Amino acid sequence: MSTPKKYYITTAIDYANGPPHLGHAVEKIGADVMARYHRQKGEDVHFVVGMDEHGLKVYQSAQRAGLTPQEWVDRIAEEFRQAWARLGISYDDFIRTTQPRHHRGVQELIRRIQARGDLYRGTYAGHYCVGCEGYKTPDELEPDLQGTLRCPVHPTLDVQWMEEENWFFRLSAYRDPLLRLLDERPEFVQPEIRRNEIRNVLEGGLEDISVSRARLPWGVPWPSDPEHIVYVWLDALTNYLTAAGFPDEGYEKLWPADVHVIGKDITRFHCIYWPAFLMSAGVELPRTVWAHGFVTYGGHKLSKSAGVAFGLPEAMERHGPDALRYYLLREVPWNGDGAITRERFDERYTAELANDLGNLANRTLAMIQRYQDGVIPPGESGPLEEVCRATLARYREVMDAHLLHLGIAAALELSSEANTFVEVRAPWALAKEPERAPELEATLASLARALLVLATLLHPVLPGKMNELAHRLGVPQVPTLQEVLDFPLEGRRVRPGPPLFPRPDLASTRG
């Protein structure tokens, strides 16, 4: 038996300055769907999420709460763990930048960069955005109506002018190697629009960057220089490597990462700084950085402040965690921006989950129970099976391209075709004519197969509900993508039950 292909996927680790919100959840849900899809392909998946727990903003948040920084991040980390558990985020590792394993990895990476001669002492003076935990060049800032310079990502925070002696990294030396990287490996930055943005930055030239902070008492100590801590982005980015076991022997079993899933606002850090650090240290680069777009609510990007308008707990309660997973990835293209509303959530849930997919499951199981004593009958391959086969091929194509919203759309087309098949074949009419019993059996067998295929295709998105659908078909667990078309269904006893997706009282969910 061959060894399963390795698939190492990460998300951006979340900054520990407040509780999780929908903006955090979108990224984790999307990455979880990717991880679950690759498991269904039979691959050996290692999925990492975690917490970015250092930096000035975290230190200030702890002070305002009257807690030590460690007490603060411990509390925030637990809130994130609970949220991801409820949303069914199937991570294999929850890394925290305060963990000793991470400190060791960061300090070893710095030693390797220093041995390359890419670090030096110098004085930095420039604008610093506490929200981004990064220095900003003038072209990255925008004046507000009063003429005050603002970071476009964090326009409500004051940009600080800072001057201090720091350690610097020779980022300027990596402009040409990074341009060659984009030419030789265009898959390194995806989707294409993000790659073009990075190319434009590189073509404009790079300046050396500060990679330490002086006199901040919260962070990874700089090796051999206790007056400094490691700059929060060098610290945070290294989590992807330390989660693989770096610098211990054998970390290459996981590394390089197959994909880093991030938001488009942090591409500069992941697609310029990170590969340059790794090139300097002599460490292999990740294969792909996938930068998803922004999700807006009421015209504003989902964030800590915007999250108050539609909080994560409320969103999960509205129609359940599985339905929220579905809605966010159905409504928002994984390669672009999208807007969400409560009303649109209600409409998608009712039309697509309750009325389309849910109704197909409920009536198919009820007809097998009524007309076949609850046992799935035998049946020859027919037109609906061909639709299943074509849908599976299309689904795999778009999911391999990380176009999760198109994978969902493919599954919904199958659901619609199966509902049409029910109306055309009219099993209730066939059941009235005993001589047409073989036709009735073939019809119900085809519908059972379509339901199992739907359970498999939508399992990454709706893991709880699709597990339940498989159980109702008498199948102990959702089959793999390779198995589903030929998985034995004949003779299995179905278990009809209450609707998979109860129709809501929409008047009570308006808000």
Protein backbone atom coordinates (compact mmCIF):
# COMPACT_ATOMS: atom_id res chain seq x y z
CA MET A 1 0.00 0.00 0.00
CA SER A 2 1.41 3.41 -0.98
CA THR A 3 2.00 6.12 1.61
CA PRO A 4 -0.75 8.79 1.57
CA LYS A 5 0.23 12.15 0.14
CA LYS A 6 1.07 14.75 2.78
CA TYR A 7 -1.04 17.93 2.92
CA TYR A 8 0.05 20.59 5.42
CA ILE A 9 -2.37 23.54 5.65
CA THR A 10 -2.25 26.53 7.97
CA THR A 11 -4.29 29.65 8.66
CA ALA A 12 -3.06 32.98 9.90
CA ILE A 13 -2.79 32.77 13.68
CA ASP A 14 -5.26 35.08 15.38
CA TYR A 15 -4.14 38.12 17.30
CA ALA A 16 -4.97 37.85 21.00
CA ASN A 17 -6.36 41.31 21.57
CA GLY A 18 -10.03 40.32 21.79
CA PRO A 19 -12.56 37.49 21.36
CA PRO A 20 -13.21 35.72 18.03
CA HIS A 21 -15.57 37.34 15.54
CA LEU A 22 -17.00 36.47 12.13
CA GLY A 23 -13.91 37.81 10.38
CA HIS A 24 -11.78 35.20 12.14
CA ALA A 25 -14.39 32.51 11.53
CA VAL A 26 -14.56 32.96 7.74
CA GLU A 27 -10.89 32.08 7.33
CA LYS A 28 -10.99 29.12 9.70
CA ILE A 29 -14.11 27.69 8.07
CA GLY A 30 -12.64 28.02 4.57
CA ALA A 31 -9.37 26.37 5.59
CA ASP A 32 -11.28 23.64 7.40
CA VAL A 33 -13.26 22.89 4.24
CA MET A 34 -9.97 22.62 2.33
CA ALA A 35 -8.52 20.30 5.01
CA ARG A 36 -11.63 18.08 5.07
CA TYR A 37 -11.71 17.91 1.28
CA HIS A 38 -8.12 16.69 1.14
CA ARG A 39 -8.85 14.10 3.83
CA GLN A 40 -11.69 12.85 1.63
CA LYS A 41 -9.16 12.49 -1.17
CA GLY A 42 -7.24 10.10 1.09
CA GLU A 43 -4.39 12.48 1.89
CA ASP A 44 -2.54 12.70 5.20
CA VAL A 45 -3.68 16.16 6.34
CA HIS A 46 -2.05 18.25 9.05
CA PHE A 47 -4.11 21.38 9.76
CA VAL A 48 -2.76 24.13 12.04
CA VAL A 49 -4.47 27.13 13.62
CA GLY A 50 -3.36 29.12 16.62
CA MET A 51 -2.78 32.38 18.43
CA ASP A 52 -0.41 35.30 17.89
CA GLU A 53 0.12 36.32 21.52
CA HIS A 54 2.95 38.85 21.52
CA GLY A 55 3.25 42.49 20.54
CA LEU A 56 2.37 45.92 21.80
CA LYS A 57 -1.37 45.64 21.16
CA VAL A 58 -1.68 42.48 23.26
CA TYR A 59 0.38 44.04 26.04
CA GLN A 60 -1.88 47.11 26.07
CA SER A 61 -5.05 45.00 26.03
CA ALA A 62 -3.84 43.04 29.07
CA GLN A 63 -3.02 46.25 30.94
CA ARG A 64 -6.48 47.67 30.28
CA ALA A 65 -8.05 44.44 31.59
CA GLY A 66 -5.91 44.51 34.76
CA LEU A 67 -4.27 41.17 33.87
CA THR A 68 -0.76 39.98 33.20
CA PRO A 69 -0.10 39.40 29.48
CA GLN A 70 0.01 35.62 30.04
CA GLU A 71 -3.29 35.64 31.93
CA TRP A 72 -4.83 37.67 29.14
CA VAL A 73 -3.68 35.43 26.27
CA ASP A 74 -4.64 32.27 28.18
CA ARG A 75 -8.18 33.59 28.50
CA ILE A 76 -8.42 34.69 24.87
CA ALA A 77 -6.95 31.42 23.57
CA GLU A 78 -9.63 29.45 25.40
CA GLU A 79 -12.38 31.60 23.85
CA PHE A 80 -10.99 30.84 20.39
CA ARG A 81 -10.73 27.12 21.12
CA GLN A 82 -14.36 27.01 22.22
CA ALA A 83 -15.53 28.90 19.13
CA TRP A 84 -13.62 26.60 16.77
CA ALA A 85 -14.96 23.52 18.56
CA ARG A 86 -18.51 24.71 18.07
CA LEU A 87 -17.89 25.47 14.40
CA GLY A 88 -16.35 22.03 13.84
CA ILE A 89 -12.90 23.32 12.89
CA SER A 90 -10.95 20.05 12.58
CA TYR A 91 -7.45 21.35 13.32
CA ASP A 92 -4.64 18.99 14.28
CA ASP A 93 -2.54 21.54 16.16
CA PHE A 94 -3.33 24.77 18.01
CA ILE A 95 -0.03 26.60 18.22
CA ARG A 96 0.56 29.56 20.50
CA THR A 97 3.49 31.92 20.14
CA THR A 98 3.99 31.88 23.90
CA GLN A 99 4.84 28.17 23.86
CA PRO A 100 8.48 27.14 24.49
CA ARG A 101 8.56 25.08 21.25
CA HIS A 102 7.80 28.26 19.33
CA HIS A 103 10.42 30.36 21.13
CA ARG A 104 13.09 27.78 20.25
CA GLY A 105 12.09 27.79 16.59
CA VAL A 106 12.09 31.59 16.31
CA GLN A 107 15.49 31.93 17.93
CA GLU A 108 17.01 29.21 15.73
CA LEU A 109 15.63 30.86 12.58
CA ILE A 110 17.22 34.15 13.68
CA ARG A 111 20.57 32.43 14.29
CA ARG A 112 20.49 31.03 10.75
CA ILE A 113 19.60 34.42 9.27
CA GLN A 114 22.38 36.03 11.28
CA ALA A 115 24.88 33.43 10.07
CA ARG A 116 23.95 34.42 6.51
CA GLY A 117 24.91 38.04 7.31
CA ASP A 118 21.43 39.44 6.77
CA LEU A 119 21.03 41.09 10.20
CA TYR A 120 22.59 44.34 11.43
CA ARG A 121 22.02 47.00 14.09
CA GLY A 122 20.61 50.37 13.10
CA THR A 123 18.26 53.18 14.10
CA TYR A 124 14.75 53.23 12.73
CA ALA A 125 12.46 56.23 12.48
CA GLY A 126 9.06 55.84 10.90
CA HIS A 127 5.30 55.52 11.17
CA TYR A 128 4.06 52.50 13.13
CA CYS A 129 0.53 51.06 13.04
CA VAL A 130 -0.23 49.25 16.29
CA GLY A 131 -3.19 47.49 14.60
CA CYS A 132 -0.95 45.95 11.93
CA GLU A 133 2.02 45.70 14.33
CA GLY A 134 4.10 47.03 11.46
CA TYR A 135 6.00 50.05 10.23
CA LYS A 136 4.37 51.81 7.29
CA THR A 137 5.95 53.57 4.36
CA PRO A 138 4.33 56.88 3.31
CA ASP A 139 2.67 55.24 0.29
CA GLU A 140 0.90 52.77 2.62
CA LEU A 141 -0.84 55.56 4.59
CA GLU A 142 -3.76 57.80 3.68
CA PRO A 143 -4.68 61.24 5.13
CA ASP A 144 -8.07 61.59 6.79
CA LEU A 145 -10.28 64.69 6.43
CA GLN A 146 -8.12 66.51 8.95
CA GLY A 147 -4.93 65.57 7.11
CA THR A 148 -3.81 63.06 9.75
CA LEU A 149 -2.10 60.02 8.28
CA ARG A 150 -4.08 56.79 8.81
CA CYS A 151 -3.54 53.12 8.05
CA PRO A 152 -6.30 52.09 5.59
CA VAL A 153 -6.65 48.73 7.36
CA HIS A 154 -7.03 50.31 10.84
CA PRO A 155 -8.35 53.83 10.16
CA THR A 156 -9.61 54.35 13.72
CA LEU A 157 -6.15 53.88 15.29
CA ASP A 158 -3.55 56.61 15.49
CA VAL A 159 -0.38 55.92 13.53
CA GLN A 160 2.58 56.48 15.86
CA TRP A 161 5.93 57.99 14.95
CA MET A 162 8.63 55.79 16.48
CA GLU A 163 12.40 56.11 16.68
CA GLU A 164 14.59 53.42 18.25
CA GLU A 165 17.67 51.31 17.71
CA ASN A 166 16.72 47.92 16.31
CA TRP A 167 17.98 44.86 14.52
CA PHE A 168 17.39 45.11 10.77
CA PHE A 169 16.91 42.44 8.11
CA ARG A 170 18.38 43.01 4.62
CA LEU A 171 15.09 42.68 2.82
CA SER A 172 16.41 44.86 -0.01
CA ALA A 173 18.73 42.02 -1.05
CA TYR A 174 15.75 39.76 -1.83
CA ARG A 175 13.87 41.82 -4.41
CA ASP A 176 15.31 39.97 -7.42
CA PRO A 177 15.10 36.47 -5.84
CA LEU A 178 11.45 37.12 -4.99
CA LEU A 179 10.67 38.30 -8.51
CA ARG A 180 12.30 35.14 -9.87
CA LEU A 181 10.16 33.13 -7.44
CA LEU A 182 6.96 34.63 -8.91
CA ASP A 183 8.18 33.91 -12.45
CA GLU A 184 9.29 30.35 -11.79
CA ARG A 185 6.50 29.41 -9.37
CA PRO A 186 3.38 31.45 -10.12
CA GLU A 187 1.41 29.13 -7.83
CA PHE A 188 3.33 30.58 -4.87
CA VAL A 189 0.86 33.49 -4.56
CA GLN A 190 -2.79 32.83 -5.39
CA PRO A 191 -5.21 33.97 -6.65
CA GLU A 192 -3.62 35.83 -9.58
CA ILE A 193 -4.82 39.28 -8.53
CA ARG A 194 -2.85 38.98 -5.29
CA ARG A 195 0.25 37.80 -7.18
CA ASN A 196 0.08 40.85 -9.43
CA GLU A 197 -0.14 43.12 -6.36
CA ILE A 198 2.97 41.53 -4.86
CA ARG A 199 4.83 41.84 -8.15
CA ASN A 200 4.04 45.56 -8.26
CA VAL A 201 5.41 46.01 -4.74
CA LEU A 202 8.61 44.16 -5.61
CA GLU A 203 9.14 46.08 -8.83
CA GLY A 204 8.94 49.29 -6.82
CA GLY A 205 11.91 48.15 -4.73
CA LEU A 206 12.32 46.94 -1.15
CA GLU A 207 13.80 48.59 1.91
CA ASP A 208 15.43 46.81 4.82
CA ILE A 209 13.02 46.22 7.71
CA SER A 210 13.27 46.42 11.47
CA VAL A 211 12.92 42.95 13.03
CA SER A 212 13.26 43.72 16.75
CA ARG A 213 11.75 46.04 19.32
CA ALA A 214 13.60 47.59 22.25
CA ARG A 215 12.33 47.78 25.82
CA LEU A 216 9.00 46.00 25.22
CA PRO A 217 8.60 43.44 28.02
CA TRP A 218 6.41 40.98 26.10
CA GLY A 219 7.73 38.81 23.30
CA VAL A 220 10.36 36.30 22.24
CA PRO A 221 13.79 37.44 23.55
CA TRP A 222 16.28 38.25 20.80
CA PRO A 223 19.12 35.70 20.87
CA SER A 224 22.20 37.16 22.59
CA ASP A 225 20.58 40.60 23.00
CA PRO A 226 18.25 40.71 26.02
CA GLU A 227 17.46 44.40 25.46
CA HIS A 228 15.39 43.44 22.42
CA ILE A 229 12.45 41.20 21.62
CA VAL A 230 11.67 39.74 18.20
CA TYR A 231 9.47 41.89 15.97
CA VAL A 232 5.98 40.47 16.15
CA TRP A 233 5.72 39.55 12.46
CA LEU A 234 9.01 37.63 12.39
CA ASP A 235 7.79 35.94 15.56
CA ALA A 236 4.29 35.20 14.21
CA LEU A 237 5.26 34.01 10.74
CA THR A 238 7.64 31.45 12.16
CA ASN A 239 4.70 29.59 13.76
CA TYR A 240 4.14 27.74 10.50
CA LEU A 241 7.63 26.30 10.77
CA THR A 242 7.64 25.58 14.51
CA ALA A 243 4.25 23.85 14.23
CA ALA A 244 5.98 21.40 11.87
CA GLY A 245 8.58 20.68 14.57
CA PHE A 246 11.39 23.04 13.50
CA PRO A 247 14.21 23.01 14.44
CA ASP A 248 14.00 19.42 15.69
CA GLU A 249 15.00 16.52 13.50
CA GLY A 250 12.21 15.27 11.26
CA TYR A 251 10.32 18.53 10.81
CA GLU A 252 10.70 18.02 7.04
CA LYS A 253 8.07 15.27 7.24
CA LEU A 254 5.53 18.11 7.31
CA TRP A 255 7.45 21.03 5.92
CA PRO A 256 7.12 22.71 3.46
CA ALA A 257 3.54 23.79 4.02
CA ASP A 258 1.32 23.04 1.04
CA VAL A 259 -0.77 26.15 1.58
CA HIS A 260 -0.91 29.12 3.95
CA VAL A 261 -4.49 30.47 4.05
CA ILE A 262 -4.48 34.20 4.90
CA GLY A 263 -6.46 37.41 4.38
CA LYS A 264 -5.51 39.71 1.53
CA ASP A 265 -4.49 42.48 3.96
CA ILE A 266 -1.41 40.55 5.13
CA THR A 267 0.01 39.39 1.80
CA ARG A 268 3.07 41.65 2.08
CA PHE A 269 4.13 39.87 5.26
CA HIS A 270 3.48 36.37 3.89
CA CYS A 271 4.56 36.78 0.27
CA ILE A 272 7.58 39.10 0.73
CA TYR A 273 8.87 39.03 4.31
CA TRP A 274 8.27 35.34 4.99
CA PRO A 275 9.89 33.86 1.87
CA ALA A 276 12.81 36.28 2.26
CA PHE A 277 13.37 35.13 5.87
CA LEU A 278 13.28 31.51 4.74
CA MET A 279 15.61 32.10 1.79
CA SER A 280 18.08 33.76 4.15
CA ALA A 281 17.87 30.90 6.65
CA GLY A 282 18.23 28.24 3.95
CA VAL A 283 14.80 26.75 4.65
CA GLU A 284 12.52 25.49 1.87
CA LEU A 285 9.63 27.80 0.96
CA PRO A 286 5.94 26.94 1.35
CA ARG A 287 4.27 25.86 -1.87
CA THR A 288 1.33 28.29 -1.95
CA VAL A 289 -0.02 31.32 -0.13
CA TRP A 290 -3.78 31.59 -0.74
CA ALA A 291 -5.10 35.07 0.07
CA HIS A 292 -8.87 35.23 0.42
CA GLY A 293 -10.78 38.50 0.25
CA PHE A 294 -12.71 40.53 2.77
CA VAL A 295 -16.20 39.83 4.03
CA THR A 296 -18.29 42.91 4.72
CA TYR A 297 -21.39 43.49 6.81
CA GLY A 298 -23.24 46.77 6.46
CA GLY A 299 -20.52 48.03 4.15
CA HIS A 300 -17.70 47.43 6.66
CA LYS A 301 -15.02 44.73 6.78
CA LEU A 302 -15.72 42.16 9.48
CA SER A 303 -13.46 43.00 12.40
CA LYS A 304 -13.42 43.30 16.18
CA SER A 305 -15.40 46.54 16.04
CA ALA A 306 -17.70 45.60 13.14
CA GLY A 307 -18.37 42.24 14.80
CA VAL A 308 -20.64 43.91 17.30
CA ALA A 309 -23.23 44.43 14.53
CA PHE A 310 -23.47 40.68 13.82
CA GLY A 311 -21.61 38.72 16.46
CA LEU A 312 -20.25 35.21 16.01
CA PRO A 313 -22.40 33.67 18.79
CA GLU A 314 -25.58 35.16 17.28
CA ALA A 315 -24.58 34.02 13.78
CA MET A 316 -24.07 30.43 15.01
CA GLU A 317 -27.37 30.43 16.87
CA ARG A 318 -29.39 31.74 13.92
CA HIS A 319 -29.59 28.46 11.98
CA GLY A 320 -26.84 26.40 13.61
CA PRO A 321 -23.04 26.24 13.14
CA ASP A 322 -23.22 24.02 10.02
CA ALA A 323 -25.59 26.43 8.31
CA LEU A 324 -23.29 29.35 9.10
CA ARG A 325 -20.35 27.48 7.56
CA TYR A 326 -22.44 26.88 4.46
CA TYR A 327 -23.73 30.41 4.15
CA LEU A 328 -20.37 32.15 4.51
CA LEU A 329 -18.70 30.03 1.82
CA ARG A 330 -21.77 29.94 -0.45
CA GLU A 331 -22.24 33.70 -0.36
CA VAL A 332 -18.61 34.84 -0.43
CA PRO A 333 -16.30 33.71 -3.25
CA TRP A 334 -13.11 32.22 -1.82
CA ASN A 335 -11.05 34.17 -4.35
CA GLY A 336 -12.69 37.57 -3.81
CA ASP A 337 -14.69 39.86 -1.57
CA GLY A 338 -18.32 39.42 -0.54
CA ALA A 339 -21.04 40.89 1.63
CA ILE A 340 -23.31 39.13 4.12
CA THR A 341 -26.58 40.07 5.81
CA ARG A 342 -28.93 38.41 8.24
CA GLU A 343 -31.70 38.50 5.66
CA ARG A 344 -29.61 36.84 2.97
CA PHE A 345 -28.57 34.16 5.47
CA ASP A 346 -32.25 33.41 6.10
CA GLU A 347 -32.99 33.27 2.36
CA ARG A 348 -30.10 30.93 1.53
CA TYR A 349 -30.90 28.65 4.44
CA THR A 350 -34.59 28.37 3.58
CA ALA A 351 -34.29 28.04 -0.20
CA GLU A 352 -31.20 25.89 -0.54
CA LEU A 353 -30.85 23.88 2.67
CA ALA A 354 -34.42 23.49 3.92
CA ASN A 355 -36.40 23.49 0.65
CA ASP A 356 -33.91 21.98 -1.81
CA LEU A 357 -31.39 19.66 -0.14
CA GLY A 358 -33.41 19.01 3.00
CA ASN A 359 -36.61 18.28 1.13
CA LEU A 360 -34.81 15.90 -1.24
CA ALA A 361 -33.39 13.95 1.69
CA ASN A 362 -36.62 13.86 3.65
CA ARG A 363 -38.87 12.66 0.87
CA THR A 364 -36.37 10.16 -0.56
CA LEU A 365 -35.93 8.48 2.81
CA ALA A 366 -39.70 8.57 3.43
CA MET A 367 -40.42 6.89 0.07
CA ILE A 368 -37.84 4.16 0.67
CA GLN A 369 -39.43 3.58 4.06
CA ARG A 370 -42.95 3.51 2.61
CA TYR A 371 -42.46 1.62 -0.66
CA GLN A 372 -39.47 -0.65 0.17
CA ASP A 373 -40.01 -1.37 3.88
CA GLY A 374 -37.07 0.92 4.67
CA VAL A 375 -34.48 -1.07 2.68
CA ILE A 376 -32.56 0.50 -0.21
CA PRO A 377 -33.40 -1.58 -3.30
CA PRO A 378 -31.07 -2.71 -6.09
CA GLY A 379 -30.88 -0.58 -9.20
CA GLU A 380 -29.02 -0.31 -12.49
CA SER A 381 -27.01 2.77 -13.37
CA GLY A 382 -29.16 5.38 -15.07
CA PRO A 383 -29.25 9.05 -16.01
CA LEU A 384 -29.05 10.34 -12.44
CA GLU A 385 -25.91 8.28 -11.81
CA GLU A 386 -24.34 9.92 -14.87
CA VAL A 387 -25.17 13.33 -13.40
CA CYS A 388 -23.52 12.20 -10.15
CA ARG A 389 -20.38 11.15 -12.01
CA ALA A 390 -20.14 14.41 -13.97
CA THR A 391 -20.81 16.47 -10.84
CA LEU A 392 -18.09 14.67 -8.91
CA ALA A 393 -15.54 15.40 -11.65
CA ARG A 394 -16.49 19.07 -11.81
CA TYR A 395 -16.47 19.33 -8.01
CA ARG A 396 -12.95 17.90 -7.75
CA GLU A 397 -11.68 20.26 -10.42
CA VAL A 398 -12.88 23.43 -8.69
CA MET A 399 -12.01 22.25 -5.18
CA ASP A 400 -8.45 21.42 -6.26
CA ALA A 401 -8.29 25.04 -7.46
CA HIS A 402 -9.46 26.23 -3.99
CA LEU A 403 -12.70 27.63 -5.45
CA LEU A 404 -14.83 26.45 -2.57
CA HIS A 405 -17.91 28.45 -3.56
CA LEU A 406 -17.95 26.69 -6.94
CA GLY A 407 -17.69 23.30 -5.23
CA ILE A 408 -20.82 24.11 -3.25
CA ALA A 409 -22.55 25.31 -6.42
CA ALA A 410 -21.75 22.01 -8.18
CA ALA A 411 -23.32 20.04 -5.34
CA LEU A 412 -26.43 22.21 -5.41
CA GLU A 413 -26.83 21.55 -9.12
CA LEU A 414 -26.89 17.83 -8.37
CA SER A 415 -29.50 18.39 -5.66
CA SER A 416 -31.64 20.33 -8.12
CA GLU A 417 -31.27 17.61 -10.77
CA ALA A 418 -32.28 14.97 -8.24
CA ASN A 419 -35.38 16.93 -7.23
CA THR A 420 -36.34 17.21 -10.90
CA PHE A 421 -35.74 13.46 -11.26
CA VAL A 422 -38.23 12.83 -8.46
CA GLU A 423 -40.91 14.89 -10.20
CA VAL A 424 -40.30 13.27 -13.59
CA ARG A 425 -40.22 9.68 -12.27
CA ALA A 426 -43.06 10.22 -9.75
CA PRO A 427 -42.34 7.22 -7.48
CA TRP A 428 -45.76 7.62 -5.84
CA ALA A 429 -47.36 6.85 -9.20
CA LEU A 430 -45.02 3.94 -9.93
CA ALA A 431 -45.93 2.42 -6.57
CA LYS A 432 -49.55 2.13 -7.70
CA GLU A 433 -48.62 -0.16 -10.60
CA PRO A 434 -47.12 -3.48 -9.41
CA GLU A 435 -45.79 -4.32 -12.86
CA ARG A 436 -43.53 -1.25 -12.65
CA ALA A 437 -41.85 -2.40 -9.44
CA PRO A 438 -38.39 -2.69 -11.09
CA GLU A 439 -38.70 0.90 -12.32
CA LEU A 440 -39.67 2.07 -8.84
CA GLU A 441 -36.71 0.23 -7.33
CA ALA A 442 -34.29 1.74 -9.84
CA THR A 443 -35.68 5.22 -9.18
CA LEU A 444 -35.29 4.96 -5.41
CA ALA A 445 -31.84 3.37 -5.71
CA SER A 446 -30.74 6.25 -7.93
CA LEU A 447 -32.04 8.80 -5.44
CA ALA A 448 -30.27 7.03 -2.56
CA ARG A 449 -27.02 7.14 -4.55
CA ALA A 450 -27.49 10.85 -5.27
CA LEU A 451 -28.01 11.52 -1.57
CA LEU A 452 -24.81 9.68 -0.67
CA VAL A 453 -22.88 11.63 -3.30
CA LEU A 454 -24.32 14.87 -1.93
CA ALA A 455 -23.34 13.84 1.61
CA THR A 456 -19.79 13.29 0.39
CA LEU A 457 -19.52 16.51 -1.64
CA LEU A 458 -20.98 18.70 1.09
CA HIS A 459 -19.37 16.98 4.06
CA PRO A 460 -16.42 19.42 4.15
CA VAL A 461 -18.91 22.30 4.39
CA LEU A 462 -21.68 20.72 6.49
CA PRO A 463 -19.82 18.01 8.43
CA GLY A 464 -22.41 17.46 11.15
CA LYS A 465 -25.47 17.43 8.90
CA MET A 466 -23.86 15.32 6.19
CA ASN A 467 -22.69 12.75 8.74
CA GLU A 468 -26.29 12.59 9.88
CA LEU A 469 -27.49 12.14 6.30
CA ALA A 470 -25.06 9.26 5.77
CA HIS A 471 -26.30 7.61 8.98
CA ARG A 472 -29.89 7.94 7.79
CA LEU A 473 -28.87 6.06 4.63
CA GLY A 474 -27.51 3.25 6.82
CA VAL A 475 -23.90 4.25 6.10
CA PRO A 476 -21.69 4.52 9.22
CA GLN A 477 -19.52 7.32 7.83
CA VAL A 478 -19.33 9.48 4.73
CA PRO A 479 -17.37 7.64 2.00
CA THR A 480 -14.25 9.05 0.37
CA LEU A 481 -14.42 10.70 -3.04
CA GLN A 482 -12.88 7.58 -4.57
CA GLU A 483 -15.45 5.27 -2.98
CA VAL A 484 -18.74 7.11 -3.23
CA LEU A 485 -19.89 6.17 -6.75
CA ASP A 486 -19.43 2.45 -6.10
CA PHE A 487 -20.14 2.33 -2.38
CA PRO A 488 -22.56 -0.55 -1.67
CA LEU A 489 -26.01 0.77 -0.78
CA GLU A 490 -28.30 -2.12 -1.71
CA GLY A 491 -29.86 -3.74 1.35
CA ARG A 492 -29.03 -0.95 3.79
CA ARG A 493 -31.84 0.11 6.08
CA VAL A 494 -32.68 3.79 6.06
CA ARG A 495 -33.52 5.75 9.18
CA PRO A 496 -35.97 8.56 8.40
CA GLY A 497 -36.19 11.26 11.02
CA PRO A 498 -37.05 14.91 11.55
CA PRO A 499 -36.06 17.37 8.81
CA LEU A 500 -32.30 17.79 8.42
CA PHE A 501 -32.84 21.53 8.01
CA PRO A 502 -36.02 22.61 9.78
CA ARG A 503 -37.76 25.50 8.10
CA PRO A 504 -37.35 28.51 10.37
CA ASP A 505 -39.94 30.91 11.64
CA LEU A 506 -38.36 33.81 9.78
CA ALA A 507 -40.35 36.39 11.73
CA SER A 508 -38.51 35.33 14.89
CA THR A 509 -35.07 35.43 13.26
CA ARG A 510 -35.29 38.96 11.89
CA GLY A 511 -33.03 41.36 13.68
